[in-house]
C-alpha cells in the first residue's frame, strides 16, 4: 500500500471517529490482528451538539483524537478526549443556572472505512453525566451570598447509554466536518431536577458534528 493510500485511509477513519464524544485509553496493538500494519495518529477535534428538545446548541472546548488504524482491513480503534462542557440556561422554578456536563464511555469507539469510495462509519456508546448545576451568579450582589448547592447531586446521568453511529465522506486535504443523529435516553438520579431535565433533554433528533484538524 502506497504512502498516499495510507494518508487517505488515515484521514477517512479519523474523521469518522471524531464524531464520537468519548474519552478512552489509546488503542493497544492487540486491538488489531497480529501482523497487520497499524497507523497511529493524533488530531485536534472541535465538537458541537444540538439538543432538539430544548433547541440548544453546545460547543465543547477543543479536544484530541488519537488511536490506530488497521491499514489492511480499514478497522479503527481509538480514543477521543473532549473536555467537560459548561453552559448557562434557564430552568423552570430555578431561573438561570450554570451546568457542567460530561460524557462517560461504556464501550470502545469502533469503525470502518471503505477506501474505494471514502465512506466512513463509526459507532460509540457512552453515558451523559450532568456533573453539576448551580444557580447562576446574580448580576447585582446580594446582601448575604447564597450557599453554593449542586442542584443535581453527583449521580445525574442517562438511564441507558447513548449510541451514536456516524457515517459520511471525508474531505481530504483540509479540516473536515461530519455529522450524525442520536437519541438521548431519560435521565435519572438528578434529585428534584430529574423531572425538569427530562422535559428538556431526552428524545430523538439530536445532532452531533465535529471538525478534525491534524495536530
N, C-alpha and C. Protein backbone atom coordinates (compact mmCIF):
# COMPACT_ATOMS: atom_id res chain seq x y z
N UNK A 1 0.85 -1.19 0.00
CA UNK A 1 0.00 0.00 0.00
C UNK A 1 0.89 1.24 0.00
N UNK A 2 0.62 2.22 -0.89
CA UNK A 2 1.48 3.40 -1.02
C UNK A 2 1.30 4.35 0.15
N UNK A 3 2.27 5.29 0.30
CA UNK A 3 2.16 6.28 1.37
C UNK A 3 0.92 7.15 1.17
N UNK A 4 0.60 7.45 -0.08
CA UNK A 4 -0.58 8.27 -0.35
C UNK A 4 -1.84 7.55 0.10
N UNK A 5 -1.92 6.25 -0.19
CA UNK A 5 -3.07 5.47 0.24
C UNK A 5 -3.17 5.42 1.74
N UNK A 6 -2.04 5.29 2.41
CA UNK A 6 -2.02 5.29 3.87
C UNK A 6 -2.58 6.59 4.41
N UNK A 7 -2.16 7.72 3.84
CA UNK A 7 -2.65 9.03 4.31
C UNK A 7 -4.14 9.16 4.06
N UNK A 8 -4.61 8.68 2.93
CA UNK A 8 -6.03 8.76 2.60
C UNK A 8 -6.87 7.96 3.60
N UNK A 9 -6.45 6.74 3.86
CA UNK A 9 -7.19 5.89 4.79
C UNK A 9 -7.19 6.50 6.18
N UNK A 10 -6.05 7.03 6.60
CA UNK A 10 -5.97 7.64 7.93
C UNK A 10 -6.95 8.79 8.06
N UNK A 11 -7.01 9.65 7.06
CA UNK A 11 -7.92 10.79 7.12
C UNK A 11 -9.37 10.35 7.21
N UNK A 12 -9.75 9.36 6.43
CA UNK A 12 -11.13 8.89 6.42
C UNK A 12 -11.54 8.33 7.76
N UNK A 13 -10.75 7.45 8.30
CA UNK A 13 -11.09 6.82 9.56
C UNK A 13 -11.11 7.83 10.68
N UNK A 14 -10.15 8.70 10.71
CA UNK A 14 -10.08 9.71 11.76
C UNK A 14 -11.32 10.57 11.77
N UNK A 15 -11.71 11.05 10.62
CA UNK A 15 -12.83 11.97 10.57
C UNK A 15 -14.13 11.31 10.98
N UNK A 16 -14.24 10.03 10.78
CA UNK A 16 -15.44 9.34 11.26
C UNK A 16 -15.41 9.22 12.78
N UNK A 17 -14.27 8.88 13.31
CA UNK A 17 -14.20 8.62 14.74
C UNK A 17 -14.38 9.87 15.57
N UNK A 18 -13.94 11.01 15.10
CA UNK A 18 -14.03 12.22 15.92
C UNK A 18 -15.46 12.61 16.20
N UNK A 19 -16.38 12.01 15.51
CA UNK A 19 -17.78 12.32 15.77
C UNK A 19 -18.28 11.63 17.02
N UNK A 20 -17.49 10.83 17.65
CA UNK A 20 -17.90 10.12 18.85
C UNK A 20 -17.34 10.82 20.07
N UNK A 21 -18.18 11.47 20.88
CA UNK A 21 -17.68 12.25 22.00
C UNK A 21 -17.33 11.38 23.20
N UNK A 22 -16.28 10.58 23.05
CA UNK A 22 -15.94 9.61 24.08
C UNK A 22 -14.47 9.72 24.45
N UNK A 23 -14.15 9.60 25.72
CA UNK A 23 -12.77 9.59 26.17
C UNK A 23 -12.39 8.18 26.60
N UNK A 24 -11.42 7.58 25.90
CA UNK A 24 -10.99 6.23 26.19
C UNK A 24 -9.48 6.15 26.13
N UNK A 25 -8.86 5.12 26.74
CA UNK A 25 -7.43 4.94 26.60
C UNK A 25 -7.07 4.68 25.14
N UNK A 26 -5.87 5.06 24.72
CA UNK A 26 -5.43 4.81 23.36
C UNK A 26 -5.47 3.32 23.07
N UNK A 27 -5.78 2.96 21.80
CA UNK A 27 -5.95 1.56 21.45
C UNK A 27 -4.61 0.83 21.46
N UNK A 28 -4.52 -0.31 22.14
CA UNK A 28 -3.29 -1.08 22.11
C UNK A 28 -3.17 -1.83 20.80
N UNK A 29 -1.95 -2.29 20.48
CA UNK A 29 -1.74 -3.04 19.24
C UNK A 29 -2.59 -4.30 19.20
N UNK A 30 -2.93 -4.85 20.36
CA UNK A 30 -3.72 -6.08 20.43
C UNK A 30 -5.14 -5.88 19.94
N UNK A 31 -5.55 -4.63 19.71
CA UNK A 31 -6.90 -4.37 19.20
C UNK A 31 -7.03 -4.79 17.75
N UNK A 32 -5.91 -5.03 17.09
CA UNK A 32 -5.90 -5.39 15.67
C UNK A 32 -5.29 -6.78 15.49
N UNK A 33 -5.60 -7.46 14.37
CA UNK A 33 -5.00 -8.77 14.11
C UNK A 33 -3.47 -8.71 14.10
N UNK A 34 -2.85 -9.70 14.67
CA UNK A 34 -1.39 -9.75 14.75
C UNK A 34 -0.78 -9.75 13.35
N UNK A 35 0.20 -8.88 13.16
CA UNK A 35 0.90 -8.82 11.88
C UNK A 35 0.36 -7.78 10.92
N UNK A 36 -0.85 -7.24 11.16
CA UNK A 36 -1.39 -6.21 10.27
C UNK A 36 -0.67 -4.88 10.49
N UNK A 37 -0.45 -4.12 9.42
CA UNK A 37 0.16 -2.79 9.59
C UNK A 37 -0.83 -1.85 10.27
N UNK A 38 -0.38 -1.12 11.29
CA UNK A 38 -1.24 -0.20 12.04
C UNK A 38 -0.66 1.20 11.98
N UNK A 39 -1.49 2.15 11.62
CA UNK A 39 -1.08 3.56 11.54
C UNK A 39 -1.64 4.30 12.75
N UNK A 40 -0.76 4.98 13.50
CA UNK A 40 -1.17 5.76 14.65
C UNK A 40 -1.27 7.24 14.29
N UNK A 41 -2.22 7.95 14.91
CA UNK A 41 -2.44 9.35 14.54
C UNK A 41 -2.95 10.16 15.72
N UNK A 42 -2.95 11.50 15.53
CA UNK A 42 -3.40 12.42 16.58
C UNK A 42 -3.96 13.67 15.92
N UNK A 43 -5.21 14.03 16.25
CA UNK A 43 -5.88 15.17 15.64
C UNK A 43 -6.53 16.06 16.71
N UNK A 44 -6.68 17.32 16.39
CA UNK A 44 -7.47 18.26 17.20
C UNK A 44 -8.93 18.13 16.77
N UNK A 45 -9.85 18.13 17.75
CA UNK A 45 -11.27 17.96 17.46
C UNK A 45 -12.08 19.10 18.08
N UNK A 46 -12.95 19.70 17.28
CA UNK A 46 -13.91 20.68 17.78
C UNK A 46 -15.31 20.10 17.56
N UNK A 47 -16.02 19.83 18.66
CA UNK A 47 -17.30 19.14 18.59
C UNK A 47 -18.46 20.05 19.00
N UNK A 48 -19.59 19.90 18.30
CA UNK A 48 -20.80 20.67 18.60
C UNK A 48 -22.00 19.73 18.65
N UNK A 49 -22.83 19.90 19.67
CA UNK A 49 -24.04 19.09 19.83
C UNK A 49 -25.27 19.99 19.84
N UNK A 50 -26.30 19.58 19.11
CA UNK A 50 -27.57 20.29 19.12
C UNK A 50 -28.62 19.41 19.80
N UNK A 51 -29.22 19.92 20.88
CA UNK A 51 -30.26 19.21 21.60
C UNK A 51 -31.61 19.69 21.07
N UNK A 52 -32.28 18.83 20.35
CA UNK A 52 -33.50 19.23 19.64
C UNK A 52 -34.61 19.68 20.58
N UNK A 53 -34.82 18.92 21.67
CA UNK A 53 -35.97 19.18 22.53
C UNK A 53 -35.92 20.56 23.18
N UNK A 54 -34.73 21.01 23.51
CA UNK A 54 -34.58 22.33 24.14
C UNK A 54 -34.07 23.39 23.16
N UNK A 55 -33.88 22.99 21.88
CA UNK A 55 -33.40 23.90 20.85
C UNK A 55 -32.12 24.61 21.31
N UNK A 56 -31.19 23.81 21.80
CA UNK A 56 -29.96 24.36 22.37
C UNK A 56 -28.74 23.76 21.68
N UNK A 57 -27.77 24.62 21.36
CA UNK A 57 -26.51 24.19 20.75
C UNK A 57 -25.38 24.38 21.74
N UNK A 58 -24.55 23.34 21.90
CA UNK A 58 -23.41 23.41 22.80
C UNK A 58 -22.14 23.04 22.05
N UNK A 59 -21.11 23.86 22.20
CA UNK A 59 -19.81 23.57 21.61
C UNK A 59 -18.79 23.37 22.72
N UNK A 60 -18.17 22.20 22.74
CA UNK A 60 -17.20 21.87 23.78
C UNK A 60 -15.86 22.51 23.46
N UNK A 61 -15.01 22.72 24.48
CA UNK A 61 -13.64 23.17 24.22
C UNK A 61 -12.93 22.14 23.33
N UNK A 62 -11.91 22.57 22.57
CA UNK A 62 -11.21 21.63 21.67
C UNK A 62 -10.70 20.40 22.41
N UNK A 63 -10.83 19.25 21.76
CA UNK A 63 -10.35 18.00 22.32
C UNK A 63 -9.30 17.37 21.41
N UNK A 64 -8.93 16.14 21.74
CA UNK A 64 -7.89 15.43 20.99
C UNK A 64 -8.38 14.04 20.64
N UNK A 65 -8.15 13.64 19.38
CA UNK A 65 -8.42 12.27 18.97
C UNK A 65 -7.10 11.61 18.61
N UNK A 66 -6.86 10.40 19.15
CA UNK A 66 -5.68 9.63 18.78
C UNK A 66 -6.00 8.15 18.86
N UNK A 67 -5.34 7.39 18.05
CA UNK A 67 -5.60 5.96 18.04
C UNK A 67 -4.87 5.28 16.92
N UNK A 68 -5.42 4.13 16.49
CA UNK A 68 -4.77 3.34 15.46
C UNK A 68 -5.73 2.89 14.38
N UNK A 69 -5.19 2.66 13.18
CA UNK A 69 -5.96 2.19 12.03
C UNK A 69 -5.28 0.97 11.46
N UNK A 70 -6.02 -0.09 11.24
CA UNK A 70 -5.52 -1.28 10.56
C UNK A 70 -5.56 -0.99 9.06
N UNK A 71 -4.39 -0.83 8.46
CA UNK A 71 -4.33 -0.45 7.06
C UNK A 71 -4.70 -1.59 6.12
N UNK A 72 -4.82 -2.80 6.63
CA UNK A 72 -5.21 -3.93 5.79
C UNK A 72 -6.72 -4.08 5.70
N UNK A 73 -7.42 -3.79 6.81
CA UNK A 73 -8.86 -4.04 6.87
C UNK A 73 -9.71 -2.78 6.93
N UNK A 74 -9.10 -1.64 7.30
CA UNK A 74 -9.88 -0.42 7.48
C UNK A 74 -10.48 -0.30 8.86
N UNK A 75 -10.23 -1.26 9.75
CA UNK A 75 -10.75 -1.21 11.12
C UNK A 75 -10.09 -0.07 11.88
N UNK A 76 -10.88 0.63 12.72
CA UNK A 76 -10.32 1.68 13.55
C UNK A 76 -10.65 1.44 15.02
N UNK A 77 -9.73 1.81 15.87
CA UNK A 77 -9.92 1.83 17.32
C UNK A 77 -9.15 3.03 17.84
N UNK A 78 -9.73 3.77 18.76
CA UNK A 78 -9.01 4.93 19.25
C UNK A 78 -9.66 5.58 20.45
N UNK A 79 -9.20 6.76 20.75
CA UNK A 79 -9.72 7.49 21.91
C UNK A 79 -9.94 8.95 21.53
N UNK A 80 -11.00 9.51 22.08
CA UNK A 80 -11.26 10.93 21.93
C UNK A 80 -11.42 11.52 23.32
N UNK A 81 -10.66 12.55 23.60
CA UNK A 81 -10.77 13.24 24.87
C UNK A 81 -11.35 14.62 24.62
N UNK A 82 -12.57 14.84 25.08
CA UNK A 82 -13.23 16.13 24.94
C UNK A 82 -13.52 16.68 26.33
N UNK A 83 -13.05 17.87 26.64
CA UNK A 83 -13.27 18.42 27.99
C UNK A 83 -14.74 18.56 28.33
N UNK A 84 -15.03 18.66 29.61
CA UNK A 84 -16.41 18.91 30.06
C UNK A 84 -16.93 20.19 29.42
N UNK A 85 -18.24 20.21 29.19
CA UNK A 85 -18.89 21.39 28.60
C UNK A 85 -19.69 22.12 29.68
N UNK A 86 -19.48 23.42 29.80
CA UNK A 86 -20.21 24.25 30.77
C UNK A 86 -21.03 25.29 30.03
N UNK A 87 -22.30 25.43 30.39
CA UNK A 87 -23.17 26.39 29.72
C UNK A 87 -24.19 26.92 30.71
N UNK A 88 -24.84 28.01 30.35
CA UNK A 88 -25.87 28.63 31.19
C UNK A 88 -27.20 28.58 30.47
N UNK A 89 -28.26 28.19 31.20
CA UNK A 89 -29.59 28.15 30.62
C UNK A 89 -30.61 28.43 31.71
N UNK A 90 -31.87 28.59 31.30
CA UNK A 90 -32.95 28.87 32.24
C UNK A 90 -33.69 27.58 32.57
N UNK A 91 -33.91 27.33 33.86
CA UNK A 91 -34.63 26.14 34.30
C UNK A 91 -35.90 26.57 35.04
N UNK A 92 -37.02 25.88 34.75
CA UNK A 92 -38.30 26.21 35.38
C UNK A 92 -38.19 26.13 36.90
N UNK A 93 -38.65 27.16 37.57
CA UNK A 93 -38.68 27.17 39.02
C UNK A 93 -37.36 27.52 39.67
N UNK A 94 -36.31 27.66 38.86
CA UNK A 94 -34.98 27.94 39.40
C UNK A 94 -34.40 29.23 38.83
N UNK A 95 -34.68 29.50 37.56
CA UNK A 95 -34.08 30.65 36.88
C UNK A 95 -32.81 30.23 36.17
N UNK A 96 -31.90 31.17 35.97
CA UNK A 96 -30.67 30.87 35.28
C UNK A 96 -29.78 29.95 36.12
N UNK A 97 -29.24 28.93 35.45
CA UNK A 97 -28.33 28.01 36.12
C UNK A 97 -27.10 27.79 35.24
N UNK A 98 -26.00 27.45 35.87
CA UNK A 98 -24.78 27.09 35.15
C UNK A 98 -24.60 25.58 35.27
N UNK A 99 -24.50 24.91 34.12
CA UNK A 99 -24.48 23.45 34.07
C UNK A 99 -23.15 22.97 33.50
N UNK A 100 -22.60 21.92 34.09
CA UNK A 100 -21.41 21.27 33.54
C UNK A 100 -21.76 19.82 33.23
N UNK A 101 -21.53 19.42 31.98
CA UNK A 101 -21.88 18.06 31.53
C UNK A 101 -20.65 17.37 30.95
N UNK A 102 -20.65 16.04 31.06
CA UNK A 102 -19.55 15.24 30.54
C UNK A 102 -20.10 13.98 29.89
N UNK A 103 -19.26 13.31 29.10
CA UNK A 103 -19.62 12.01 28.53
C UNK A 103 -18.70 10.95 29.13
N UNK A 104 -19.27 9.77 29.41
CA UNK A 104 -18.52 8.70 30.05
C UNK A 104 -18.71 7.41 29.24
N UNK A 105 -17.65 6.90 28.63
CA UNK A 105 -17.77 5.77 27.72
C UNK A 105 -18.14 4.47 28.43
N UNK A 106 -18.87 3.63 27.71
CA UNK A 106 -19.18 2.28 28.19
C UNK A 106 -18.58 1.22 27.27
N UNK A 107 -18.21 1.60 26.05
CA UNK A 107 -17.57 0.70 25.10
C UNK A 107 -16.54 1.48 24.29
N UNK A 108 -15.57 0.80 23.72
CA UNK A 108 -14.61 1.49 22.85
C UNK A 108 -15.27 2.03 21.59
N UNK A 109 -14.66 3.04 21.02
CA UNK A 109 -15.09 3.55 19.72
C UNK A 109 -14.58 2.60 18.65
N UNK A 110 -15.45 2.21 17.74
CA UNK A 110 -15.06 1.32 16.64
C UNK A 110 -15.61 1.87 15.33
N UNK A 111 -15.01 1.47 14.23
CA UNK A 111 -15.49 1.95 12.95
C UNK A 111 -14.83 1.24 11.78
N UNK A 112 -15.19 1.67 10.59
CA UNK A 112 -14.65 1.07 9.36
C UNK A 112 -14.67 2.10 8.25
N UNK A 113 -13.70 1.98 7.36
CA UNK A 113 -13.64 2.87 6.19
C UNK A 113 -13.54 2.05 4.92
N UNK A 114 -14.29 2.46 3.91
CA UNK A 114 -14.21 1.87 2.57
C UNK A 114 -13.27 2.74 1.75
N UNK A 115 -12.07 2.25 1.53
CA UNK A 115 -11.07 3.07 0.85
C UNK A 115 -11.42 3.31 -0.61
N UNK A 116 -12.35 2.51 -1.15
CA UNK A 116 -12.73 2.69 -2.55
C UNK A 116 -13.55 3.94 -2.80
N UNK A 117 -14.43 4.30 -1.83
CA UNK A 117 -15.28 5.48 -2.04
C UNK A 117 -15.19 6.49 -0.91
N UNK A 118 -14.24 6.29 0.03
CA UNK A 118 -14.01 7.22 1.15
C UNK A 118 -15.20 7.30 2.11
N UNK A 119 -16.04 6.28 2.13
CA UNK A 119 -17.19 6.28 3.04
C UNK A 119 -16.77 5.73 4.39
N UNK A 120 -17.15 6.44 5.46
CA UNK A 120 -16.73 6.07 6.81
C UNK A 120 -17.95 5.86 7.70
N UNK A 121 -17.89 4.86 8.58
CA UNK A 121 -18.92 4.63 9.59
C UNK A 121 -18.24 4.42 10.93
N UNK A 122 -18.76 5.07 11.97
CA UNK A 122 -18.17 4.95 13.31
C UNK A 122 -19.28 4.91 14.34
N UNK A 123 -19.10 4.07 15.37
CA UNK A 123 -20.09 3.93 16.44
C UNK A 123 -19.42 4.06 17.80
N UNK A 124 -20.05 4.83 18.68
CA UNK A 124 -19.58 4.95 20.06
C UNK A 124 -20.76 4.81 21.00
N UNK A 125 -20.49 4.38 22.24
CA UNK A 125 -21.52 4.17 23.25
C UNK A 125 -21.04 4.82 24.55
N UNK A 126 -21.90 5.66 25.15
CA UNK A 126 -21.47 6.41 26.33
C UNK A 126 -22.67 6.89 27.13
N UNK A 127 -22.43 7.24 28.38
CA UNK A 127 -23.44 7.90 29.22
C UNK A 127 -23.20 9.40 29.23
N UNK A 128 -24.29 10.16 29.32
CA UNK A 128 -24.19 11.60 29.54
C UNK A 128 -24.32 11.84 31.04
N UNK A 129 -23.34 12.48 31.62
CA UNK A 129 -23.32 12.74 33.06
C UNK A 129 -23.40 14.25 33.29
N UNK A 130 -24.49 14.70 33.88
CA UNK A 130 -24.59 16.10 34.26
C UNK A 130 -23.93 16.23 35.63
N UNK A 131 -22.73 16.73 35.65
CA UNK A 131 -21.91 16.72 36.85
C UNK A 131 -22.34 17.75 37.89
N UNK A 132 -22.84 18.88 37.40
CA UNK A 132 -23.26 19.91 38.36
C UNK A 132 -24.23 20.88 37.73
N UNK A 133 -25.05 21.49 38.58
CA UNK A 133 -25.97 22.55 38.17
C UNK A 133 -26.09 23.52 39.35
N UNK A 134 -25.62 24.74 39.15
CA UNK A 134 -25.63 25.74 40.21
C UNK A 134 -26.42 26.96 39.74
N UNK A 135 -27.18 27.60 40.64
CA UNK A 135 -27.83 28.86 40.27
C UNK A 135 -26.78 29.85 39.80
N UNK A 136 -27.07 30.54 38.69
CA UNK A 136 -26.12 31.50 38.14
C UNK A 136 -25.91 32.65 39.11
N UNK A 137 -24.71 33.21 39.10
CA UNK A 137 -24.39 34.34 39.97
C UNK A 137 -25.24 35.55 39.59
N UNK A 138 -25.98 36.13 40.50
CA UNK A 138 -26.83 37.28 40.17
C UNK A 138 -25.97 38.47 39.72
N UNK A 139 -26.54 39.28 38.82
CA UNK A 139 -25.83 40.45 38.31
C UNK A 139 -25.62 41.49 39.41
N UNK A 140 -26.57 41.55 40.32
CA UNK A 140 -26.47 42.51 41.43
C UNK A 140 -26.09 41.73 42.69
N UNK A 141 -25.00 42.07 43.35
CA UNK A 141 -24.58 41.35 44.56
C UNK A 141 -25.66 41.36 45.62
N UNK A 142 -25.85 40.21 46.27
CA UNK A 142 -26.85 40.10 47.34
C UNK A 142 -26.23 40.48 48.68
N UNK A 143 -27.05 40.98 49.62
CA UNK A 143 -26.52 41.32 50.95
C UNK A 143 -25.87 40.13 51.63
N UNK A 144 -26.48 38.94 51.44
CA UNK A 144 -25.93 37.71 52.01
C UNK A 144 -25.76 36.71 50.87
N UNK A 145 -24.54 36.28 50.56
CA UNK A 145 -24.31 35.33 49.46
C UNK A 145 -25.11 34.05 49.64
N UNK A 146 -25.68 33.55 48.54
CA UNK A 146 -26.42 32.30 48.60
C UNK A 146 -25.45 31.12 48.70
N UNK A 147 -25.80 30.08 49.47
CA UNK A 147 -24.93 28.91 49.54
C UNK A 147 -24.86 28.22 48.18
N UNK A 148 -23.68 27.69 47.84
CA UNK A 148 -23.49 27.03 46.56
C UNK A 148 -23.89 25.57 46.69
N UNK A 149 -25.04 25.23 46.10
CA UNK A 149 -25.58 23.88 46.21
C UNK A 149 -25.72 23.28 44.81
N UNK A 150 -25.17 22.09 44.63
CA UNK A 150 -25.31 21.38 43.37
C UNK A 150 -26.73 20.81 43.29
N UNK A 151 -27.54 21.36 42.40
CA UNK A 151 -28.96 21.01 42.33
C UNK A 151 -29.22 19.60 41.82
N UNK A 152 -28.25 18.97 41.18
CA UNK A 152 -28.48 17.64 40.61
C UNK A 152 -27.68 16.54 41.33
N UNK A 153 -26.90 16.88 42.31
CA UNK A 153 -26.12 15.87 43.03
C UNK A 153 -24.97 15.34 42.19
N UNK A 154 -24.45 14.18 42.59
CA UNK A 154 -23.25 13.63 41.95
C UNK A 154 -23.52 12.52 40.94
N UNK A 155 -24.78 12.07 40.82
CA UNK A 155 -25.05 10.87 40.01
C UNK A 155 -26.10 11.09 38.94
N UNK A 156 -26.24 12.30 38.46
CA UNK A 156 -27.24 12.61 37.45
C UNK A 156 -26.73 12.21 36.07
N UNK A 157 -27.36 11.17 35.48
CA UNK A 157 -26.92 10.73 34.16
C UNK A 157 -28.02 9.96 33.45
N UNK A 158 -27.77 9.64 32.19
CA UNK A 158 -28.75 8.90 31.40
C UNK A 158 -28.99 7.51 31.99
N UNK A 159 -30.26 7.04 31.92
CA UNK A 159 -30.60 5.71 32.44
C UNK A 159 -29.90 4.61 31.66
N UNK A 160 -29.77 4.83 30.36
CA UNK A 160 -29.13 3.85 29.48
C UNK A 160 -28.07 4.58 28.64
N UNK A 161 -27.06 3.88 28.19
CA UNK A 161 -26.03 4.52 27.36
C UNK A 161 -26.60 5.05 26.05
N UNK A 162 -25.98 6.10 25.57
CA UNK A 162 -26.29 6.68 24.27
C UNK A 162 -25.47 5.97 23.21
N UNK A 163 -26.09 5.61 22.09
CA UNK A 163 -25.36 5.02 20.97
C UNK A 163 -25.39 5.99 19.79
N UNK A 164 -24.22 6.36 19.31
CA UNK A 164 -24.12 7.29 18.18
C UNK A 164 -23.41 6.60 17.03
N UNK A 165 -24.07 6.49 15.90
CA UNK A 165 -23.45 5.96 14.69
C UNK A 165 -23.39 7.07 13.65
N UNK A 166 -22.20 7.33 13.17
CA UNK A 166 -21.97 8.42 12.23
C UNK A 166 -21.38 7.86 10.95
N UNK A 167 -21.83 8.38 9.82
CA UNK A 167 -21.26 7.97 8.55
C UNK A 167 -21.18 9.17 7.63
N UNK A 168 -20.26 9.13 6.70
CA UNK A 168 -20.11 10.24 5.77
C UNK A 168 -18.88 10.06 4.92
N UNK A 169 -18.60 11.07 4.11
CA UNK A 169 -17.45 11.06 3.22
C UNK A 169 -16.44 12.11 3.66
N UNK A 170 -15.18 11.72 3.75
CA UNK A 170 -14.14 12.64 4.22
C UNK A 170 -13.77 13.65 3.15
N UNK A 171 -13.41 14.83 3.58
CA UNK A 171 -12.89 15.89 2.71
C UNK A 171 -11.38 15.90 2.88
N UNK A 172 -10.67 15.27 1.97
CA UNK A 172 -9.24 15.09 2.13
C UNK A 172 -8.49 16.38 1.84
N UNK A 173 -7.37 16.54 2.54
CA UNK A 173 -6.51 17.69 2.30
C UNK A 173 -6.90 18.93 3.04
N UNK A 174 -7.95 18.88 3.88
CA UNK A 174 -8.40 20.06 4.62
C UNK A 174 -9.15 19.59 5.86
N UNK A 175 -9.35 20.49 6.85
CA UNK A 175 -10.20 20.12 8.00
C UNK A 175 -11.56 19.66 7.52
N UNK A 176 -12.07 18.62 8.11
CA UNK A 176 -13.33 18.03 7.66
C UNK A 176 -14.35 17.96 8.78
N UNK A 177 -15.61 18.17 8.43
CA UNK A 177 -16.71 18.12 9.40
C UNK A 177 -17.72 17.07 8.96
N UNK A 178 -18.06 16.15 9.87
CA UNK A 178 -19.08 15.15 9.62
C UNK A 178 -20.15 15.22 10.70
N UNK A 179 -21.33 14.68 10.40
CA UNK A 179 -22.45 14.81 11.33
C UNK A 179 -23.19 13.50 11.50
N UNK A 180 -23.92 13.39 12.60
CA UNK A 180 -24.77 12.23 12.85
C UNK A 180 -25.89 12.59 13.80
N UNK A 181 -26.94 11.77 13.84
CA UNK A 181 -28.07 11.98 14.74
C UNK A 181 -28.09 10.90 15.81
N UNK A 182 -28.67 11.23 16.99
CA UNK A 182 -28.72 10.25 18.06
C UNK A 182 -29.88 10.53 19.00
N UNK A 183 -30.25 9.51 19.74
CA UNK A 183 -31.34 9.57 20.73
C UNK A 183 -30.75 9.72 22.12
N UNK A 184 -31.30 10.61 22.93
CA UNK A 184 -30.88 10.76 24.32
C UNK A 184 -31.92 10.09 25.21
N UNK A 185 -31.53 9.09 26.02
CA UNK A 185 -32.47 8.43 26.93
C UNK A 185 -32.86 9.36 28.08
N UNK A 186 -33.84 8.92 28.89
CA UNK A 186 -34.22 9.67 30.07
C UNK A 186 -33.06 9.75 31.06
N UNK A 187 -33.06 10.81 31.87
CA UNK A 187 -32.06 10.98 32.91
C UNK A 187 -32.57 10.45 34.23
N UNK A 188 -31.67 10.10 35.14
CA UNK A 188 -32.06 9.60 36.45
C UNK A 188 -31.07 10.11 37.51
N UNK A 189 -31.49 10.00 38.78
CA UNK A 189 -30.66 10.38 39.93
C UNK A 189 -30.25 11.84 39.91
N UNK A 190 -31.16 12.70 39.47
CA UNK A 190 -30.87 14.13 39.40
C UNK A 190 -31.61 14.91 40.49
N UNK A 191 -32.07 14.22 41.53
CA UNK A 191 -32.76 14.88 42.62
C UNK A 191 -34.06 15.53 42.17
N UNK A 192 -34.35 16.69 42.74
CA UNK A 192 -35.59 17.40 42.41
C UNK A 192 -35.61 17.89 40.97
N UNK A 193 -34.44 17.89 40.29
CA UNK A 193 -34.36 18.39 38.92
C UNK A 193 -34.62 17.29 37.89
N UNK A 194 -34.83 16.05 38.32
CA UNK A 194 -34.97 14.95 37.37
C UNK A 194 -36.12 15.18 36.39
N UNK A 195 -37.31 15.48 36.91
CA UNK A 195 -38.47 15.65 36.03
C UNK A 195 -38.31 16.87 35.14
N UNK A 196 -37.70 17.92 35.66
CA UNK A 196 -37.48 19.14 34.87
C UNK A 196 -36.54 18.85 33.70
N UNK A 197 -35.43 18.20 33.98
CA UNK A 197 -34.47 17.89 32.93
C UNK A 197 -35.04 16.93 31.90
N UNK A 198 -35.89 15.99 32.35
CA UNK A 198 -36.47 15.03 31.41
C UNK A 198 -37.52 15.66 30.50
N UNK A 199 -37.92 16.88 30.80
CA UNK A 199 -38.81 17.62 29.90
C UNK A 199 -38.02 18.45 28.89
N UNK A 200 -36.72 18.58 29.11
CA UNK A 200 -35.91 19.47 28.27
C UNK A 200 -34.86 18.77 27.42
N UNK A 201 -34.39 17.57 27.83
CA UNK A 201 -33.23 16.99 27.17
C UNK A 201 -33.51 15.70 26.40
N UNK A 202 -34.08 14.64 26.99
CA UNK A 202 -34.20 13.36 26.28
C UNK A 202 -35.07 13.45 25.03
N UNK A 203 -34.79 12.53 24.11
CA UNK A 203 -35.59 12.46 22.89
C UNK A 203 -34.73 12.22 21.67
N UNK A 204 -35.36 12.00 20.50
CA UNK A 204 -34.65 11.74 19.24
C UNK A 204 -34.31 13.04 18.51
N UNK A 205 -33.58 12.89 17.40
CA UNK A 205 -33.32 14.00 16.50
C UNK A 205 -32.20 14.94 16.91
N UNK A 206 -31.41 14.56 17.91
CA UNK A 206 -30.28 15.39 18.31
C UNK A 206 -29.14 15.18 17.31
N UNK A 207 -28.32 16.18 17.09
CA UNK A 207 -27.23 16.05 16.12
C UNK A 207 -25.89 16.31 16.79
N UNK A 208 -24.88 15.66 16.25
CA UNK A 208 -23.51 15.84 16.71
C UNK A 208 -22.63 16.05 15.50
N UNK A 209 -21.79 17.08 15.54
CA UNK A 209 -20.86 17.33 14.45
C UNK A 209 -19.49 17.63 15.04
N UNK A 210 -18.47 17.32 14.26
CA UNK A 210 -17.11 17.57 14.72
C UNK A 210 -16.22 17.89 13.54
N UNK A 211 -15.28 18.78 13.78
CA UNK A 211 -14.28 19.13 12.78
C UNK A 211 -12.91 18.67 13.27
N UNK A 212 -12.22 17.92 12.44
CA UNK A 212 -10.91 17.37 12.81
C UNK A 212 -9.81 18.06 12.02
N UNK A 213 -8.74 18.45 12.72
CA UNK A 213 -7.60 19.10 12.10
C UNK A 213 -6.32 18.44 12.60
N UNK A 214 -5.38 18.08 11.70
CA UNK A 214 -4.14 17.45 12.15
C UNK A 214 -3.40 18.34 13.14
N UNK A 215 -2.81 17.73 14.16
CA UNK A 215 -2.03 18.47 15.15
C UNK A 215 -0.54 18.48 14.74
